[in-house]
Amino acid sequence: MKITATLSLASILSASAFVGSITKPRCLPLRMSDPEERVNMEVKNLGTEKKMPPQMSKAIPFVNCPAHLDGSMAGDVGFDPLGFGKSPMDLTSYREAEIKHARLAMLAAAGWPISELFDKKIASLFNLPPVLDASNRVPSVLNGGMEKISLKYWGACLALAAVIDVYQTFFLSSRKEYSPGDLGFDPFGLYPKDEKGRKRMQTAEIKNGRLAMIAITAFAAQEFVTHVAVIDETPFFFKPIWQVLSEMSDNLLDTTNSGFIYPPEETPSIFDAVTPPLDAAATTSAEAASVIPPLDAVSA
């Protein structure tokens, strides 16, 4: 009996040497994760992720920059307060319109004072009536005088604009490397070949165009309000310095010089109600003095 028990105990001990210890493993074995558990983990990670604050607009520092204005377009300063460019297609369309108006405004801002300087000289050379008015102002919607321009001129302008627009819309815009406003017009070879230089040139063009749009609006408003030509309002910008100094010296002796403005000598309206009673009082005093006899006559 003892021998049987001893043999049984020995067999158990020898077998236990080949059995691993029954303890909880440190790491769970690899297995396919539960879909619901993975979704919960992703939602948890998204909730704890730190969000970046929105960038501020360069044009309006206290306003958030619109998401679609990422700075990749030339002249982009984050200015779209009304949210017109809601998609890349809208943004491209508005840039096309902006660059067209900018180029037209640059031509107008240069042509406006040039026409005021040379219109009468050119008209007299060809024996044609000048289109400037008596104040040397160019014809405009606000100044009037648009009927002086021939309909043939307006027709030629519309035809040229239509040809350029059709060429850009149906031929150039389909190119892979096309950018808004790129008509391939570079007769002097000034357009850079590298990407950085091209963006610099595009930025310079759009900035000058935006300034020209403001300038041409100011030209029209200033001439409408003051009834004075731009070249006469600020002659230092448009006339030779010796001519301006000569006109200024002549103006010191002759105030009828049309190149300068003198305020009319008028009585302020605040004195209109005071002047008549004062005049009446002065007249009454003079009449009373004429009625009083001299002192010698009274004493006699």
C-alpha atoms as a PDB file:
ATOM      1  CA  MET A   1       0.000   0.000   0.000  1.00  0.00           C
ATOM      2  CA  LYS A   2       2.821   2.343   0.878  1.00  0.00           C
ATOM      3  CA  ILE A   3       4.623   1.368  -2.268  1.00  0.00           C
ATOM      4  CA  THR A   4       1.516   2.123  -4.374  1.00  0.00           C
ATOM      5  CA  ALA A   5       1.059   5.527  -2.771  1.00  0.00           C
ATOM      6  CA  THR A   6       4.722   6.374  -3.280  1.00  0.00           C
ATOM      7  CA  LEU A   7       4.596   5.465  -6.954  1.00  0.00           C
ATOM      8  CA  SER A   8       1.443   7.502  -7.473  1.00  0.00           C
ATOM      9  CA  LEU A   9       2.994  10.570  -5.809  1.00  0.00           C
ATOM     10  CA  ALA A  10       6.134  10.257  -7.886  1.00  0.00           C
ATOM     11  CA  SER A  11       4.144  10.059 -11.120  1.00  0.00           C
ATOM     12  CA  ILE A  12       2.179  13.200 -10.247  1.00  0.00           C
ATOM     13  CA  LEU A  13       5.314  15.178  -9.428  1.00  0.00           C
ATOM     14  CA  SER A  14       7.010  14.074 -12.624  1.00  0.00           C
ATOM     15  CA  ALA A  15       3.998  15.062 -14.717  1.00  0.00           C
ATOM     16  CA  SER A  16       3.761  18.473 -13.096  1.00  0.00           C
ATOM     17  CA  ALA A  17       7.203  19.305 -14.406  1.00  0.00           C
ATOM     18  CA  PHE A  18       5.738  19.421 -17.936  1.00  0.00           C
ATOM     19  CA  VAL A  19       2.686  21.543 -17.017  1.00  0.00           C
ATOM     20  CA  GLY A  20       2.931  25.320 -17.018  1.00  0.00           C
ATOM     21  CA  SER A  21       2.038  27.325 -13.995  1.00  0.00           C
ATOM     22  CA  ILE A  22      -1.590  28.298 -13.900  1.00  0.00           C
ATOM     23  CA  THR A  23      -1.273  32.101 -13.684  1.00  0.00           C
ATOM     24  CA  LYS A  24      -2.944  34.926 -15.534  1.00  0.00           C
ATOM     25  CA  PRO A  25      -0.863  36.017 -18.523  1.00  0.00           C
ATOM     26  CA  ARG A  26       0.445  39.606 -18.656  1.00  0.00           C
ATOM     27  CA  CYS A  27      -0.650  40.298 -22.209  1.00  0.00           C
ATOM     28  CA  LEU A  28      -3.742  39.118 -23.933  1.00  0.00           C
ATOM     29  CA  PRO A  29      -3.194  37.171 -27.131  1.00  0.00           C
ATOM     30  CA  LEU A  30      -3.693  38.934 -30.453  1.00  0.00           C
ATOM     31  CA  ARG A  31      -7.245  38.763 -31.717  1.00  0.00           C
ATOM     32  CA  MET A  32      -9.639  40.635 -34.017  1.00  0.00           C
ATOM     33  CA  SER A  33     -10.969  43.703 -32.235  1.00  0.00           C
ATOM     34  CA  ASP A  34     -14.650  44.162 -31.736  1.00  0.00           C
ATOM     35  CA  PRO A  35     -16.137  46.731 -34.210  1.00  0.00           C
ATOM     36  CA  GLU A  36     -18.123  48.446 -31.503  1.00  0.00           C
ATOM     37  CA  GLU A  37     -15.066  48.655 -29.271  1.00  0.00           C
ATOM     38  CA  ARG A  38     -13.013  50.150 -32.131  1.00  0.00           C
ATOM     39  CA  VAL A  39     -15.667  52.797 -32.817  1.00  0.00           C
ATOM     40  CA  ASN A  40     -15.778  53.707 -29.136  1.00  0.00           C
ATOM     41  CA  MET A  41     -12.001  54.076 -29.074  1.00  0.00           C
ATOM     42  CA  GLU A  42     -12.028  56.303 -32.177  1.00  0.00           C
ATOM     43  CA  VAL A  43     -14.776  58.519 -30.748  1.00  0.00           C
ATOM     44  CA  LYS A  44     -12.834  58.763 -27.504  1.00  0.00           C
ATOM     45  CA  ASN A  45      -9.675  59.764 -29.351  1.00  0.00           C
ATOM     46  CA  LEU A  46     -11.539  62.391 -31.376  1.00  0.00           C
ATOM     47  CA  GLY A  47     -13.054  63.844 -28.270  1.00  0.00           C
ATOM     48  CA  THR A  48      -9.710  64.205 -26.512  1.00  0.00           C
ATOM     49  CA  GLU A  49      -7.866  65.576 -29.596  1.00  0.00           C
ATOM     50  CA  LYS A  50      -6.851  69.227 -29.250  1.00  0.00           C
ATOM     51  CA  LYS A  51      -8.447  71.451 -31.894  1.00  0.00           C
ATOM     52  CA  MET A  52      -6.391  74.155 -33.596  1.00  0.00           C
ATOM     53  CA  PRO A  53      -7.797  77.684 -33.295  1.00  0.00           C
ATOM     54  CA  PRO A  54      -8.974  79.272 -36.586  1.00  0.00           C
ATOM     55  CA  GLN A  55      -6.572  81.619 -38.340  1.00  0.00           C
ATOM     56  CA  MET A  56      -7.339  85.327 -38.339  1.00  0.00           C
ATOM     57  CA  SER A  57      -7.801  87.317 -41.528  1.00  0.00           C
ATOM     58  CA  LYS A  58      -4.906  89.535 -42.636  1.00  0.00           C
ATOM     59  CA  ALA A  59      -7.307  92.091 -44.077  1.00  0.00           C
ATOM     60  CA  ILE A  60      -9.542  92.245 -40.980  1.00  0.00           C
ATOM     61  CA  PRO A  61      -7.436  91.079 -38.001  1.00  0.00           C
ATOM     62  CA  PHE A  62     -10.413  90.664 -35.652  1.00  0.00           C
ATOM     63  CA  VAL A  63     -12.335  88.350 -38.052  1.00  0.00           C
ATOM     64  CA  ASN A  64     -11.685  84.651 -38.638  1.00  0.00           C
ATOM     65  CA  CYS A  65     -10.201  83.804 -42.010  1.00  0.00           C
ATOM     66  CA  PRO A  66     -12.654  81.896 -44.264  1.00  0.00           C
ATOM     67  CA  ALA A  67     -11.760  78.235 -44.657  1.00  0.00           C
ATOM     68  CA  HIS A  68     -11.679  78.377 -48.462  1.00  0.00           C
ATOM     69  CA  LEU A  69      -9.051  81.142 -48.472  1.00  0.00           C
ATOM     70  CA  ASP A  70      -5.889  79.166 -47.742  1.00  0.00           C
ATOM     71  CA  GLY A  71      -3.360  81.643 -49.161  1.00  0.00           C
ATOM     72  CA  SER A  72      -2.612  79.631 -52.295  1.00  0.00           C
ATOM     73  CA  MET A  73      -4.116  82.274 -54.589  1.00  0.00           C
ATOM     74  CA  ALA A  74      -2.175  85.460 -55.357  1.00  0.00           C
ATOM     75  CA  GLY A  75      -3.354  88.456 -53.344  1.00  0.00           C
ATOM     76  CA  ASP A  76      -5.249  86.304 -50.841  1.00  0.00           C
ATOM     77  CA  VAL A  77      -5.450  88.198 -47.543  1.00  0.00           C
ATOM     78  CA  GLY A  78      -8.472  86.375 -46.133  1.00  0.00           C
ATOM     79  CA  PHE A  79     -11.039  89.001 -47.131  1.00  0.00           C
ATOM     80  CA  ASP A  80     -14.469  87.533 -47.832  1.00  0.00           C
ATOM     81  CA  PRO A  81     -16.799  88.923 -45.139  1.00  0.00           C
ATOM     82  CA  LEU A  82     -19.972  88.053 -47.064  1.00  0.00           C
ATOM     83  CA  GLY A  83     -18.863  84.523 -47.958  1.00  0.00           C
ATOM     84  CA  PHE A  84     -19.226  84.734 -51.745  1.00  0.00           C
ATOM     85  CA  GLY A  85     -16.545  82.145 -52.546  1.00  0.00           C
ATOM     86  CA  LYS A  86     -18.071  79.064 -50.956  1.00  0.00           C
ATOM     87  CA  SER A  87     -16.440  76.557 -53.311  1.00  0.00           C
ATOM     88  CA  PRO A  88     -13.284  76.372 -55.441  1.00  0.00           C
ATOM     89  CA  MET A  89     -15.392  76.948 -58.566  1.00  0.00           C
ATOM     90  CA  ASP A  90     -16.997  80.077 -57.091  1.00  0.00           C
ATOM     91  CA  LEU A  91     -13.597  81.322 -55.959  1.00  0.00           C
ATOM     92  CA  THR A  92     -12.154  80.875 -59.457  1.00  0.00           C
ATOM     93  CA  SER A  93     -15.100  82.671 -61.060  1.00  0.00           C
ATOM     94  CA  TYR A  94     -14.797  85.642 -58.714  1.00  0.00           C
ATOM     95  CA  ARG A  95     -11.048  85.838 -59.317  1.00  0.00           C
ATOM     96  CA  GLU A  96     -11.700  85.903 -63.086  1.00  0.00           C
ATOM     97  CA  ALA A  97     -14.133  88.805 -62.597  1.00  0.00           C
ATOM     98  CA  GLU A  98     -11.774  90.617 -60.237  1.00  0.00           C
ATOM     99  CA  ILE A  99      -8.766  90.437 -62.549  1.00  0.00           C
ATOM    100  CA  LYS A 100     -10.840  91.668 -65.511  1.00  0.00           C
ATOM    101  CA  HIS A 101     -12.161  94.652 -63.554  1.00  0.00           C
ATOM    102  CA  ALA A 102      -8.669  95.317 -62.205  1.00  0.00           C
ATOM    103  CA  ARG A 103      -7.111  95.466 -65.669  1.00  0.00           C
ATOM    104  CA  LEU A 104      -9.897  97.668 -66.991  1.00  0.00           C
ATOM    105  CA  ALA A 105      -9.543  99.985 -63.976  1.00  0.00           C
ATOM    106  CA  MET A 106      -5.777 100.289 -64.522  1.00  0.00           C
ATOM    107  CA  LEU A 107      -6.374 101.353 -68.113  1.00  0.00           C
ATOM    108  CA  ALA A 108      -9.078 103.813 -67.016  1.00  0.00           C
ATOM    109  CA  ALA A 109      -6.990 105.279 -64.182  1.00  0.00           C
ATOM    110  CA  ALA A 110      -4.225 106.035 -66.678  1.00  0.00           C
ATOM    111  CA  GLY A 111      -6.524 107.130 -69.520  1.00  0.00           C
ATOM    112  CA  TRP A 112      -8.641 109.526 -67.439  1.00  0.00           C
ATOM    113  CA  PRO A 113      -5.948 112.141 -66.690  1.00  0.00           C
ATOM    114  CA  ILE A 114      -4.219 111.579 -70.049  1.00  0.00           C
ATOM    115  CA  SER A 115      -7.434 112.463 -71.869  1.00  0.00           C
ATOM    116  CA  GLU A 116      -7.837 115.620 -69.781  1.00  0.00           C
ATOM    117  CA  LEU A 117      -4.266 116.637 -70.617  1.00  0.00           C
ATOM    118  CA  PHE A 118      -4.217 115.934 -74.368  1.00  0.00           C
ATOM    119  CA  ASP A 119      -7.807 115.739 -75.640  1.00  0.00           C
ATOM    120  CA  LYS A 120      -8.061 119.350 -76.764  1.00  0.00           C
ATOM    121  CA  LYS A 121      -4.601 119.272 -78.352  1.00  0.00           C
ATOM    122  CA  ILE A 122      -5.351 116.108 -80.315  1.00  0.00           C
ATOM    123  CA  ALA A 123      -8.795 117.388 -81.319  1.00  0.00           C
ATOM    124  CA  SER A 124      -7.336 120.637 -82.667  1.00  0.00           C
ATOM    125  CA  LEU A 125      -4.682 118.692 -84.562  1.00  0.00           C
ATOM    126  CA  PHE A 126      -7.325 116.698 -86.445  1.00  0.00           C
ATOM    127  CA  ASN A 127      -9.887 119.524 -86.595  1.00  0.00           C
ATOM    128  CA  LEU A 128     -12.323 117.665 -84.347  1.00  0.00           C
ATOM    129  CA  PRO A 129     -14.503 119.010 -81.545  1.00  0.00           C
ATOM    130  CA  PRO A 130     -13.062 118.239 -78.078  1.00  0.00           C
ATOM    131  CA  VAL A 131     -15.067 116.016 -75.754  1.00  0.00           C
ATOM    132  CA  LEU A 132     -14.003 117.778 -72.551  1.00  0.00           C
ATOM    133  CA  ASP A 133     -16.428 120.221 -70.981  1.00  0.00           C
ATOM    134  CA  ALA A 134     -15.704 123.811 -69.977  1.00  0.00           C
ATOM    135  CA  SER A 135     -13.993 122.656 -66.776  1.00  0.00           C
ATOM    136  CA  ASN A 136     -11.729 120.210 -68.658  1.00  0.00           C
ATOM    137  CA  ARG A 137     -13.612 117.223 -67.242  1.00  0.00           C
ATOM    138  CA  VAL A 138     -13.887 114.011 -69.225  1.00  0.00           C
ATOM    139  CA  PRO A 139     -17.294 112.619 -70.198  1.00  0.00           C
ATOM    140  CA  SER A 140     -18.704 110.186 -67.669  1.00  0.00           C
ATOM    141  CA  VAL A 141     -22.008 109.006 -66.313  1.00  0.00           C
ATOM    142  CA  LEU A 142     -21.813 111.567 -63.498  1.00  0.00           C
ATOM    143  CA  ASN A 143     -20.174 114.400 -65.453  1.00  0.00           C
ATOM    144  CA  GLY A 144     -22.376 113.993 -68.515  1.00  0.00           C
ATOM    145  CA  GLY A 145     -21.191 114.411 -72.080  1.00  0.00           C
ATOM    146  CA  MET A 146     -21.445 110.724 -72.992  1.00  0.00           C
ATOM    147  CA  GLU A 147     -23.363 111.669 -76.139  1.00  0.00           C
ATOM    148  CA  LYS A 148     -20.165 113.220 -77.512  1.00  0.00           C
ATOM    149  CA  ILE A 149     -18.595 109.764 -77.892  1.00  0.00           C
ATOM    150  CA  SER A 150     -19.296 108.055 -81.191  1.00  0.00           C
ATOM    151  CA  LEU A 151     -21.314 104.848 -81.212  1.00  0.00           C
ATOM    152  CA  LYS A 152     -18.651 103.307 -83.426  1.00  0.00           C
ATOM    153  CA  TYR A 153     -16.164 103.622 -80.578  1.00  0.00           C
ATOM    154  CA  TRP A 154     -18.480 101.844 -78.142  1.00  0.00           C
ATOM    155  CA  GLY A 155     -19.149  99.136 -80.722  1.00  0.00           C
ATOM    156  CA  ALA A 156     -15.425  98.572 -81.247  1.00  0.00           C
ATOM    157  CA  CYS A 157     -14.871  98.312 -77.478  1.00  0.00           C
ATOM    158  CA  LEU A 158     -17.660  95.762 -77.075  1.00  0.00           C
ATOM    159  CA  ALA A 159     -16.431  93.709 -80.028  1.00  0.00           C
ATOM    160  CA  LEU A 160     -12.866  93.599 -78.688  1.00  0.00           C
ATOM    161  CA  ALA A 161     -14.052  92.625 -75.199  1.00  0.00           C
ATOM    162  CA  ALA A 162     -16.273  89.877 -76.645  1.00  0.00           C
ATOM    163  CA  VAL A 163     -13.434  88.393 -78.702  1.00  0.00           C
ATOM    164  CA  ILE A 164     -11.097  88.313 -75.703  1.00  0.00           C
ATOM    165  CA  ASP A 165     -13.759  86.767 -73.448  1.00  0.00           C
ATOM    166  CA  VAL A 166     -14.698  84.059 -75.967  1.00  0.00           C
ATOM    167  CA  TYR A 167     -11.034  83.197 -76.513  1.00  0.00           C
ATOM    168  CA  GLN A 168     -10.446  82.927 -72.770  1.00  0.00           C
ATOM    169  CA  THR A 169     -13.617  80.945 -72.015  1.00  0.00           C
ATOM    170  CA  PHE A 170     -13.541  78.346 -74.775  1.00  0.00           C
ATOM    171  CA  PHE A 171      -9.828  77.957 -75.566  1.00  0.00           C
ATOM    172  CA  LEU A 172      -7.576  79.018 -72.708  1.00  0.00           C
ATOM    173  CA  SER A 173      -9.554  77.872 -69.663  1.00  0.00           C
ATOM    174  CA  SER A 174      -9.381  74.222 -70.780  1.00  0.00           C
ATOM    175  CA  ARG A 175      -5.596  74.110 -70.435  1.00  0.00           C
ATOM    176  CA  LYS A 176      -4.217  72.130 -67.511  1.00  0.00           C
ATOM    177  CA  GLU A 177      -1.847  74.858 -66.330  1.00  0.00           C
ATOM    178  CA  TYR A 178      -4.401  77.660 -66.764  1.00  0.00           C
ATOM    179  CA  SER A 179      -4.801  80.166 -63.912  1.00  0.00           C
ATOM    180  CA  PRO A 180      -7.481  82.896 -63.687  1.00  0.00           C
ATOM    181  CA  GLY A 181      -6.624  85.811 -65.951  1.00  0.00           C
ATOM    182  CA  ASP A 182      -3.802  84.045 -67.788  1.00  0.00           C
ATOM    183  CA  LEU A 183      -4.323  85.040 -71.424  1.00  0.00           C
ATOM    184  CA  GLY A 184      -0.788  84.236 -72.498  1.00  0.00           C
ATOM    185  CA  PHE A 185      -0.145  87.910 -73.307  1.00  0.00           C
ATOM    186  CA  ASP A 186       3.521  88.666 -72.579  1.00  0.00           C
ATOM    187  CA  PRO A 187       5.060  90.469 -75.581  1.00  0.00           C
ATOM    188  CA  PHE A 188       8.129  91.655 -73.617  1.00  0.00           C
ATOM    189  CA  GLY A 189       8.814  88.363 -71.844  1.00  0.00           C
ATOM    190  CA  LEU A 190       8.460  89.785 -68.347  1.00  0.00           C
ATOM    191  CA  TYR A 191       6.474  86.879 -66.898  1.00  0.00           C
ATOM    192  CA  PRO A 192       8.815  84.745 -64.740  1.00  0.00           C
ATOM    193  CA  LYS A 193       9.355  81.076 -65.459  1.00  0.00           C
ATOM    194  CA  ASP A 194       9.474  79.840 -61.849  1.00  0.00           C
ATOM    195  CA  GLU A 195       6.421  79.369 -59.653  1.00  0.00           C
ATOM    196  CA  LYS A 196       7.579  81.813 -56.964  1.00  0.00           C
ATOM    197  CA  GLY A 197       8.233  84.579 -59.471  1.00  0.00           C
ATOM    198  CA  ARG A 198       4.887  84.025 -61.165  1.00  0.00           C
ATOM    199  CA  LYS A 199       2.991  84.352 -57.905  1.00  0.00           C
ATOM    200  CA  ARG A 200       4.927  87.527 -57.093  1.00  0.00           C
ATOM    201  CA  MET A 201       3.981  89.002 -60.471  1.00  0.00           C
ATOM    202  CA  GLN A 202       0.337  87.967 -60.063  1.00  0.00           C
ATOM    203  CA  THR A 203       0.236  89.517 -56.584  1.00  0.00           C
ATOM    204  CA  ALA A 204       1.677  92.783 -57.889  1.00  0.00           C
ATOM    205  CA  GLU A 205      -0.904  92.882 -60.685  1.00  0.00           C
ATOM    206  CA  ILE A 206      -3.904  92.239 -58.458  1.00  0.00           C
ATOM    207  CA  LYS A 207      -2.741  94.802 -55.851  1.00  0.00           C
ATOM    208  CA  ASN A 208      -2.252  97.501 -58.483  1.00  0.00           C
ATOM    209  CA  GLY A 209      -5.613  96.586 -59.981  1.00  0.00           C
ATOM    210  CA  ARG A 210      -7.415  96.904 -56.656  1.00  0.00           C
ATOM    211  CA  LEU A 211      -5.805 100.303 -56.096  1.00  0.00           C
ATOM    212  CA  ALA A 212      -6.839 101.374 -59.611  1.00  0.00           C
ATOM    213  CA  MET A 213     -10.466 100.390 -58.956  1.00  0.00           C
ATOM    214  CA  ILE A 214     -10.483 102.636 -55.884  1.00  0.00           C
ATOM    215  CA  ALA A 215      -8.733 105.442 -57.797  1.00  0.00           C
ATOM    216  CA  ILE A 216     -11.117 105.492 -60.756  1.00  0.00           C
ATOM    217  CA  THR A 217     -14.082 105.585 -58.377  1.00  0.00           C
ATOM    218  CA  ALA A 218     -12.489 108.504 -56.547  1.00  0.00           C
ATOM    219  CA  PHE A 219     -11.868 110.313 -59.865  1.00  0.00           C
ATOM    220  CA  ALA A 220     -15.519 110.125 -60.826  1.00  0.00           C
ATOM    221  CA  ALA A 221     -16.803 111.147 -57.382  1.00  0.00           C
ATOM    222  CA  GLN A 222     -14.338 114.019 -57.014  1.00  0.00           C
ATOM    223  CA  GLU A 223     -15.149 115.590 -60.374  1.00  0.00           C
ATOM    224  CA  PHE A 224     -18.879 115.213 -59.790  1.00  0.00           C
ATOM    225  CA  VAL A 225     -18.740 116.913 -56.381  1.00  0.00           C
ATOM    226  CA  THR A 226     -16.185 119.687 -57.019  1.00  0.00           C
ATOM    227  CA  HIS A 227     -16.781 120.250 -60.773  1.00  0.00           C
ATOM    228  CA  VAL A 228     -13.001 120.499 -61.165  1.00  0.00           C
ATOM    229  CA  ALA A 229     -10.870 118.257 -63.384  1.00  0.00           C
ATOM    230  CA  VAL A 230      -8.532 115.797 -61.700  1.00  0.00           C
ATOM    231  CA  ILE A 231      -5.476 117.328 -63.348  1.00  0.00           C
ATOM    232  CA  ASP A 232      -6.455 120.760 -61.999  1.00  0.00           C
ATOM    233  CA  GLU A 233      -7.358 119.513 -58.541  1.00  0.00           C
ATOM    234  CA  THR A 234      -3.936 117.893 -57.998  1.00  0.00           C
ATOM    235  CA  PRO A 235      -1.673 119.335 -60.722  1.00  0.00           C
ATOM    236  CA  PHE A 236       1.541 118.108 -59.058  1.00  0.00           C
ATOM    237  CA  PHE A 237       0.714 114.546 -60.104  1.00  0.00           C
ATOM    238  CA  PHE A 238      -0.081 115.224 -63.751  1.00  0.00           C
ATOM    239  CA  LYS A 239       1.780 118.341 -64.916  1.00  0.00           C
ATOM    240  CA  PRO A 240       5.479 119.269 -65.103  1.00  0.00           C
ATOM    241  CA  ILE A 241       6.732 120.952 -61.985  1.00  0.00           C
ATOM    242  CA  TRP A 242       7.791 124.087 -63.824  1.00  0.00           C
ATOM    243  CA  GLN A 243       4.306 124.449 -65.283  1.00  0.00           C
ATOM    244  CA  VAL A 244       2.717 124.053 -61.882  1.00  0.00           C
ATOM    245  CA  LEU A 245       5.061 126.612 -60.309  1.00  0.00           C
ATOM    246  CA  SER A 246       4.399 129.029 -63.173  1.00  0.00           C
ATOM    247  CA  GLU A 247       0.644 128.705 -62.705  1.00  0.00           C
ATOM    248  CA  MET A 248       1.032 129.209 -58.969  1.00  0.00           C
ATOM    249  CA  SER A 249       3.070 132.398 -59.457  1.00  0.00           C
ATOM    250  CA  ASP A 250       0.534 133.720 -61.953  1.00  0.00           C
ATOM    251  CA  ASN A 251      -2.232 132.852 -59.558  1.00  0.00           C
ATOM    252  CA  LEU A 252      -0.763 135.093 -56.878  1.00  0.00           C
ATOM    253  CA  LEU A 253      -1.469 138.070 -59.126  1.00  0.00           C
ATOM    254  CA  ASP A 254      -4.557 136.818 -60.931  1.00  0.00           C
ATOM    255  CA  THR A 255      -7.215 134.996 -58.928  1.00  0.00           C
ATOM    256  CA  THR A 256      -9.171 134.134 -62.066  1.00  0.00           C
ATOM    257  CA  ASN A 257      -6.730 131.363 -62.955  1.00  0.00           C
ATOM    258  CA  SER A 258      -8.860 128.312 -63.666  1.00  0.00           C
ATOM    259  CA  GLY A 259      -6.184 125.948 -62.456  1.00  0.00           C
ATOM    260  CA  PHE A 260      -6.862 126.696 -58.820  1.00  0.00           C
ATOM    261  CA  ILE A 261      -9.941 126.903 -56.660  1.00  0.00           C
ATOM    262  CA  TYR A 262     -10.827 129.816 -54.428  1.00  0.00           C
ATOM    263  CA  PRO A 263     -13.728 129.594 -51.999  1.00  0.00           C
ATOM    264  CA  PRO A 264     -16.469 132.118 -52.705  1.00  0.00           C
ATOM    265  CA  GLU A 265     -16.626 135.070 -50.379  1.00  0.00           C
ATOM    266  CA  GLU A 266     -20.059 134.497 -48.968  1.00  0.00           C
ATOM    267  CA  THR A 267     -21.576 135.400 -45.650  1.00  0.00           C
ATOM    268  CA  PRO A 268     -22.157 132.298 -43.498  1.00  0.00           C
ATOM    269  CA  SER A 269     -25.783 131.300 -43.263  1.00  0.00           C
ATOM    270  CA  ILE A 270     -25.723 131.710 -39.501  1.00  0.00           C
ATOM    271  CA  PHE A 271     -25.571 135.504 -39.946  1.00  0.00           C
ATOM    272  CA  ASP A 272     -28.493 135.682 -42.380  1.00  0.00           C
ATOM    273  CA  ALA A 273     -31.025 136.125 -39.577  1.00  0.00           C
ATOM    274  CA  VAL A 274     -28.906 138.767 -37.814  1.00  0.00           C
ATOM    275  CA  THR A 275     -27.893 140.965 -40.742  1.00  0.00           C
ATOM    276  CA  PRO A 276     -31.333 142.482 -41.681  1.00  0.00           C
ATOM    277  CA  PRO A 277     -32.154 143.747 -38.152  1.00  0.00           C
ATOM    278  CA  LEU A 278     -28.690 145.273 -37.878  1.00  0.00           C
ATOM    279  CA  ASP A 279     -29.064 146.994 -41.234  1.00  0.00           C
ATOM    280  CA  ALA A 280     -32.496 148.307 -40.257  1.00  0.00           C
ATOM    281  CA  ALA A 281     -31.181 149.601 -36.942  1.00  0.00           C
ATOM    282  CA  ALA A 282     -28.311 151.361 -38.658  1.00  0.00           C
ATOM    283  CA  THR A 283     -30.669 152.962 -41.188  1.00  0.00           C
ATOM    284  CA  THR A 284     -33.048 154.160 -38.436  1.00  0.00           C
ATOM    285  CA  SER A 285     -30.166 155.682 -36.487  1.00  0.00           C
ATOM    286  CA  ALA A 286     -28.943 157.564 -39.554  1.00  0.00           C
ATOM    287  CA  GLU A 287     -32.424 158.911 -40.299  1.00  0.00           C
ATOM    288  CA  ALA A 288     -32.886 160.023 -36.716  1.00  0.00           C
ATOM    289  CA  ALA A 289     -29.561 161.817 -36.755  1.00  0.00           C
ATOM    290  CA  SER A 290     -30.570 163.728 -39.881  1.00  0.00           C
ATOM    291  CA  VAL A 291     -33.855 164.855 -38.265  1.00  0.00           C
ATOM    292  CA  ILE A 292     -32.207 166.304 -35.084  1.00  0.00           C
ATOM    293  CA  PRO A 293     -31.310 169.975 -35.711  1.00  0.00           C
ATOM    294  CA  PRO A 294     -27.792 171.190 -35.113  1.00  0.00           C
ATOM    295  CA  LEU A 295     -26.855 172.353 -31.630  1.00  0.00           C
ATOM    296  CA  ASP A 296     -26.253 176.002 -32.775  1.00  0.00           C
ATOM    297  CA  ALA A 297     -29.758 176.244 -34.200  1.00  0.00           C
ATOM    298  CA  VAL A 298     -31.293 175.056 -30.938  1.00  0.00           C
ATOM    299  CA  SER A 299     -29.341 177.520 -28.805  1.00  0.00           C
ATOM    300  CA  ALA A 300     -30.296 180.436 -31.086  1.00  0.00           C
END
